[in-house]
C-alpha cells in the first residue's frame, strides 16, 4: 500500500521490501527501501536506496493519544545527484 500511496500522492515511488512492527520501544522498522523519483525530480536524483529506516514513538505520548516521535534512524542511505541525462536513464533502468 505504501507503493500505491506514494505513486499517487508523492513525486517519488517508494518500494519497501519489509516492514516490521516493534513493541518496545513502540515503532516500526522498514528494510531495503528503494525510492524512485518521478517527473522532474528524476532529472536530478537517481533512485535512492536505504538499507533500514527505524522510527520510534515516544512511549509517554501513547498514554495521551498524542503520537510523537522520539527517534528516526536512517541506516546506509545511497543518494546520487545526476547532471548528465544519459546517466539518469541508465540509473533508472538498473534500479527498477
N, C-alpha and C. Protein backbone atom coordinates (compact mmCIF):
# COMPACT_ATOMS: atom_id res chain seq x y z
N UNK A 1 0.82 -1.20 0.00
CA UNK A 1 0.00 0.00 0.00
C UNK A 1 0.87 1.26 0.00
N UNK A 2 2.06 1.19 0.59
CA UNK A 2 2.96 2.34 0.58
C UNK A 2 3.30 2.70 -0.86
N UNK A 3 3.55 1.70 -1.68
CA UNK A 3 3.87 1.95 -3.08
C UNK A 3 2.72 2.66 -3.79
N UNK A 4 1.49 2.20 -3.58
CA UNK A 4 0.33 2.80 -4.23
C UNK A 4 0.12 4.25 -3.79
N UNK A 5 0.22 4.49 -2.49
CA UNK A 5 0.03 5.85 -1.96
C UNK A 5 1.12 6.80 -2.44
N UNK A 6 2.36 6.33 -2.44
CA UNK A 6 3.45 7.19 -2.88
C UNK A 6 3.34 7.50 -4.36
N UNK A 7 2.95 6.51 -5.15
CA UNK A 7 2.79 6.72 -6.59
C UNK A 7 1.71 7.76 -6.87
N UNK A 8 0.65 7.72 -6.10
CA UNK A 8 -0.48 8.63 -6.32
C UNK A 8 -0.23 10.04 -5.79
N UNK A 9 0.43 10.16 -4.63
CA UNK A 9 0.48 11.45 -3.93
C UNK A 9 1.86 12.11 -3.82
N UNK A 10 2.93 11.40 -4.16
CA UNK A 10 4.27 11.95 -3.97
C UNK A 10 5.04 12.06 -5.29
N UNK A 11 6.09 12.87 -5.33
CA UNK A 11 6.91 12.95 -6.54
C UNK A 11 7.91 11.79 -6.65
N UNK A 12 7.73 10.78 -5.80
CA UNK A 12 8.58 9.59 -5.83
C UNK A 12 7.71 8.34 -5.66
N UNK A 13 8.27 7.22 -6.05
CA UNK A 13 7.61 5.93 -5.83
C UNK A 13 8.43 5.21 -4.76
N UNK A 14 7.82 4.80 -3.66
CA UNK A 14 8.53 4.18 -2.55
C UNK A 14 8.25 2.68 -2.56
N UNK A 15 9.33 1.90 -2.57
CA UNK A 15 9.22 0.44 -2.64
C UNK A 15 9.94 -0.20 -1.46
N UNK A 16 9.25 -0.41 -0.33
CA UNK A 16 9.89 -1.09 0.80
C UNK A 16 9.82 -2.60 0.62
N UNK A 17 10.89 -3.31 0.99
CA UNK A 17 10.88 -4.76 0.88
C UNK A 17 10.20 -5.40 2.08
N UNK A 18 10.41 -4.83 3.29
CA UNK A 18 9.89 -5.45 4.51
C UNK A 18 9.58 -4.37 5.54
N UNK A 19 8.46 -4.53 6.26
CA UNK A 19 8.08 -3.63 7.34
C UNK A 19 7.77 -4.47 8.57
N UNK A 20 8.42 -4.12 9.69
CA UNK A 20 8.21 -4.85 10.94
C UNK A 20 7.73 -3.89 12.02
N UNK A 21 6.76 -4.34 12.82
CA UNK A 21 6.35 -3.57 13.99
C UNK A 21 7.28 -3.87 15.14
N UNK A 22 7.40 -2.93 16.04
CA UNK A 22 8.27 -3.09 17.20
C UNK A 22 7.46 -2.72 18.44
N UNK A 23 7.39 -3.63 19.41
CA UNK A 23 6.59 -3.38 20.60
C UNK A 23 7.25 -2.42 21.58
N UNK A 24 8.54 -2.65 21.88
CA UNK A 24 9.21 -1.77 22.83
C UNK A 24 10.61 -1.45 22.40
N UNK A 25 10.97 -0.22 22.28
CA UNK A 25 10.06 0.92 22.27
C UNK A 25 9.14 0.84 21.06
N UNK A 26 7.95 1.38 21.18
CA UNK A 26 6.98 1.26 20.08
C UNK A 26 7.48 1.96 18.81
N UNK A 27 7.31 1.28 17.68
CA UNK A 27 7.74 1.88 16.43
C UNK A 27 7.69 0.88 15.29
N UNK A 28 8.33 1.25 14.20
CA UNK A 28 8.41 0.36 13.04
C UNK A 28 9.83 0.39 12.48
N UNK A 29 10.18 -0.69 11.78
CA UNK A 29 11.44 -0.78 11.06
C UNK A 29 11.10 -1.14 9.63
N UNK A 30 11.57 -0.33 8.70
CA UNK A 30 11.35 -0.57 7.27
C UNK A 30 12.70 -0.92 6.67
N UNK A 31 12.76 -2.06 5.96
CA UNK A 31 14.05 -2.53 5.42
C UNK A 31 14.07 -2.52 3.90
N UNK A 32 15.27 -2.33 3.38
CA UNK A 32 15.54 -2.38 1.94
C UNK A 32 14.54 -1.53 1.15
N UNK A 33 14.66 -0.24 1.29
CA UNK A 33 13.75 0.71 0.65
C UNK A 33 14.39 1.23 -0.64
N UNK A 34 13.62 1.25 -1.70
CA UNK A 34 14.02 1.91 -2.94
C UNK A 34 13.06 3.07 -3.16
N UNK A 35 13.60 4.22 -3.47
CA UNK A 35 12.80 5.41 -3.74
C UNK A 35 13.11 5.84 -5.17
N UNK A 36 12.10 5.76 -6.04
CA UNK A 36 12.27 6.06 -7.45
C UNK A 36 11.66 7.44 -7.73
N UNK A 37 12.49 8.43 -8.06
CA UNK A 37 11.97 9.76 -8.38
C UNK A 37 11.12 9.73 -9.64
N UNK A 38 10.10 10.60 -9.68
CA UNK A 38 9.23 10.72 -10.85
C UNK A 38 9.36 12.10 -11.45
N UNK A 39 8.93 12.24 -12.68
CA UNK A 39 8.82 13.52 -13.40
C UNK A 39 10.12 14.32 -13.31
N UNK A 40 10.02 15.59 -12.98
CA UNK A 40 11.17 16.49 -12.99
C UNK A 40 12.24 16.08 -11.97
N UNK A 41 11.84 15.51 -10.87
CA UNK A 41 12.79 15.10 -9.85
C UNK A 41 13.75 14.03 -10.38
N UNK A 42 13.27 13.21 -11.29
CA UNK A 42 14.10 12.15 -11.88
C UNK A 42 15.22 12.71 -12.74
N UNK A 43 15.14 13.98 -13.10
CA UNK A 43 16.21 14.60 -13.89
C UNK A 43 17.44 14.94 -13.07
N UNK A 44 17.32 14.99 -11.75
CA UNK A 44 18.45 15.38 -10.92
C UNK A 44 18.82 14.38 -9.84
N UNK A 45 17.93 13.45 -9.53
CA UNK A 45 18.22 12.47 -8.48
C UNK A 45 18.03 11.07 -9.03
N UNK A 46 19.05 10.24 -8.87
CA UNK A 46 18.95 8.84 -9.26
C UNK A 46 18.10 8.12 -8.20
N UNK A 47 17.62 6.92 -8.49
CA UNK A 47 16.89 6.17 -7.47
C UNK A 47 17.71 6.05 -6.18
N UNK A 48 17.04 6.19 -5.06
CA UNK A 48 17.66 6.18 -3.74
C UNK A 48 17.45 4.82 -3.10
N UNK A 49 18.46 4.36 -2.39
CA UNK A 49 18.35 3.11 -1.64
C UNK A 49 18.64 3.39 -0.17
N UNK A 50 17.84 2.79 0.70
CA UNK A 50 18.05 2.90 2.15
C UNK A 50 18.00 1.49 2.71
N UNK A 51 19.06 1.10 3.41
CA UNK A 51 19.09 -0.25 3.96
C UNK A 51 18.03 -0.43 5.04
N UNK A 52 17.90 0.58 5.92
CA UNK A 52 16.93 0.44 7.01
C UNK A 52 16.51 1.81 7.53
N UNK A 53 15.22 1.94 7.80
CA UNK A 53 14.65 3.13 8.40
C UNK A 53 13.93 2.69 9.67
N UNK A 54 14.34 3.25 10.79
CA UNK A 54 13.73 2.90 12.08
C UNK A 54 13.05 4.15 12.65
N UNK A 55 11.76 4.01 12.98
CA UNK A 55 11.00 5.13 13.55
C UNK A 55 10.43 4.68 14.88
N UNK A 56 10.75 5.43 15.94
CA UNK A 56 10.25 5.08 17.27
C UNK A 56 9.37 6.20 17.81
N UNK A 57 8.28 5.78 18.46
CA UNK A 57 7.37 6.73 19.10
C UNK A 57 7.83 6.98 20.54
N UNK A 58 7.52 8.16 21.03
CA UNK A 58 7.78 8.46 22.43
C UNK A 58 6.74 7.70 23.26
N UNK A 59 7.14 6.75 24.10
CA UNK A 59 6.18 5.91 24.82
C UNK A 59 5.17 6.69 25.66
N UNK A 60 5.59 7.81 26.27
CA UNK A 60 4.67 8.59 27.10
C UNK A 60 3.54 9.18 26.26
N UNK A 61 3.81 9.46 25.01
CA UNK A 61 2.79 10.09 24.17
C UNK A 61 1.65 9.13 23.86
N UNK A 62 1.90 7.83 23.96
CA UNK A 62 0.84 6.85 23.70
C UNK A 62 -0.27 6.95 24.76
N UNK A 63 0.10 7.32 25.96
CA UNK A 63 -0.88 7.44 27.05
C UNK A 63 -1.84 8.60 26.82
N UNK A 64 -1.39 9.64 26.17
CA UNK A 64 -2.22 10.81 25.95
C UNK A 64 -2.90 10.79 24.58
N UNK A 65 -2.50 9.82 23.73
CA UNK A 65 -3.06 9.75 22.38
C UNK A 65 -2.44 10.76 21.44
N UNK A 66 -1.38 11.40 21.90
CA UNK A 66 -0.69 12.41 21.11
C UNK A 66 0.62 11.79 20.62
N UNK A 67 0.60 11.20 19.42
CA UNK A 67 1.74 10.43 18.92
C UNK A 67 2.89 11.35 18.52
N UNK A 68 4.01 11.22 19.24
CA UNK A 68 5.21 12.00 18.96
C UNK A 68 6.37 11.04 18.74
N UNK A 69 7.24 11.40 17.81
CA UNK A 69 8.39 10.58 17.52
C UNK A 69 9.51 10.87 18.50
N UNK A 70 10.20 9.82 18.92
CA UNK A 70 11.36 10.04 19.79
C UNK A 70 12.66 9.86 19.02
N UNK A 71 12.60 9.10 17.91
CA UNK A 71 13.84 8.84 17.19
C UNK A 71 13.55 8.38 15.76
N UNK A 72 14.34 8.86 14.82
CA UNK A 72 14.31 8.39 13.44
C UNK A 72 15.75 8.07 13.07
N UNK A 73 16.00 6.84 12.65
CA UNK A 73 17.35 6.44 12.25
C UNK A 73 17.30 5.95 10.81
N UNK A 74 18.17 6.50 9.98
CA UNK A 74 18.30 6.08 8.59
C UNK A 74 19.67 5.41 8.46
N UNK A 75 19.67 4.12 8.12
CA UNK A 75 20.92 3.37 8.01
C UNK A 75 21.27 3.13 6.55
N UNK A 76 22.49 3.44 6.21
CA UNK A 76 23.08 3.20 4.90
C UNK A 76 22.27 3.75 3.73
N UNK A 77 22.03 5.05 3.72
CA UNK A 77 21.35 5.64 2.56
C UNK A 77 22.34 5.81 1.40
N UNK A 78 21.86 5.62 0.19
CA UNK A 78 22.65 5.85 -1.02
C UNK A 78 21.87 6.83 -1.90
N UNK A 79 22.41 8.04 -2.03
CA UNK A 79 21.76 9.08 -2.83
C UNK A 79 22.77 9.58 -3.86
N UNK A 80 22.33 9.65 -5.12
CA UNK A 80 23.19 10.12 -6.20
C UNK A 80 22.49 11.27 -6.92
N UNK A 81 23.17 12.40 -7.02
CA UNK A 81 22.66 13.53 -7.78
C UNK A 81 23.23 13.44 -9.19
N UNK A 82 22.39 13.63 -10.20
CA UNK A 82 22.79 13.45 -11.58
C UNK A 82 22.82 14.78 -12.33
N UNK A 83 23.77 14.89 -13.24
CA UNK A 83 23.84 16.07 -14.09
C UNK A 83 23.83 15.72 -15.56
N UNK A 84 24.12 14.48 -15.92
CA UNK A 84 24.16 14.04 -17.31
C UNK A 84 22.89 13.25 -17.64
N UNK A 85 22.08 13.70 -18.60
CA UNK A 85 20.84 12.99 -18.93
C UNK A 85 21.03 11.51 -19.28
N UNK A 86 22.16 11.14 -19.89
CA UNK A 86 22.43 9.74 -20.22
C UNK A 86 22.57 8.90 -18.96
N UNK A 87 23.23 9.45 -17.95
CA UNK A 87 23.38 8.75 -16.68
C UNK A 87 22.04 8.57 -15.98
N UNK A 88 21.16 9.53 -16.10
CA UNK A 88 19.84 9.45 -15.48
C UNK A 88 19.09 8.24 -16.03
N UNK A 89 19.01 8.11 -17.34
CA UNK A 89 18.29 7.00 -17.96
C UNK A 89 18.92 5.67 -17.58
N UNK A 90 20.25 5.60 -17.54
CA UNK A 90 20.95 4.37 -17.20
C UNK A 90 20.64 3.95 -15.77
N UNK A 91 20.67 4.90 -14.81
CA UNK A 91 20.41 4.58 -13.41
C UNK A 91 18.96 4.16 -13.18
N UNK A 92 18.02 4.77 -13.85
CA UNK A 92 16.62 4.41 -13.67
C UNK A 92 16.38 2.98 -14.17
N UNK A 93 16.93 2.61 -15.30
CA UNK A 93 16.74 1.27 -15.84
C UNK A 93 17.33 0.20 -14.95
N UNK A 94 18.47 0.45 -14.32
CA UNK A 94 19.11 -0.57 -13.49
C UNK A 94 18.50 -0.68 -12.10
N UNK A 95 17.72 0.30 -11.68
CA UNK A 95 17.14 0.29 -10.33
C UNK A 95 15.75 -0.33 -10.27
N UNK A 96 15.08 -0.41 -11.36
CA UNK A 96 13.69 -0.91 -11.34
C UNK A 96 13.67 -2.41 -11.49
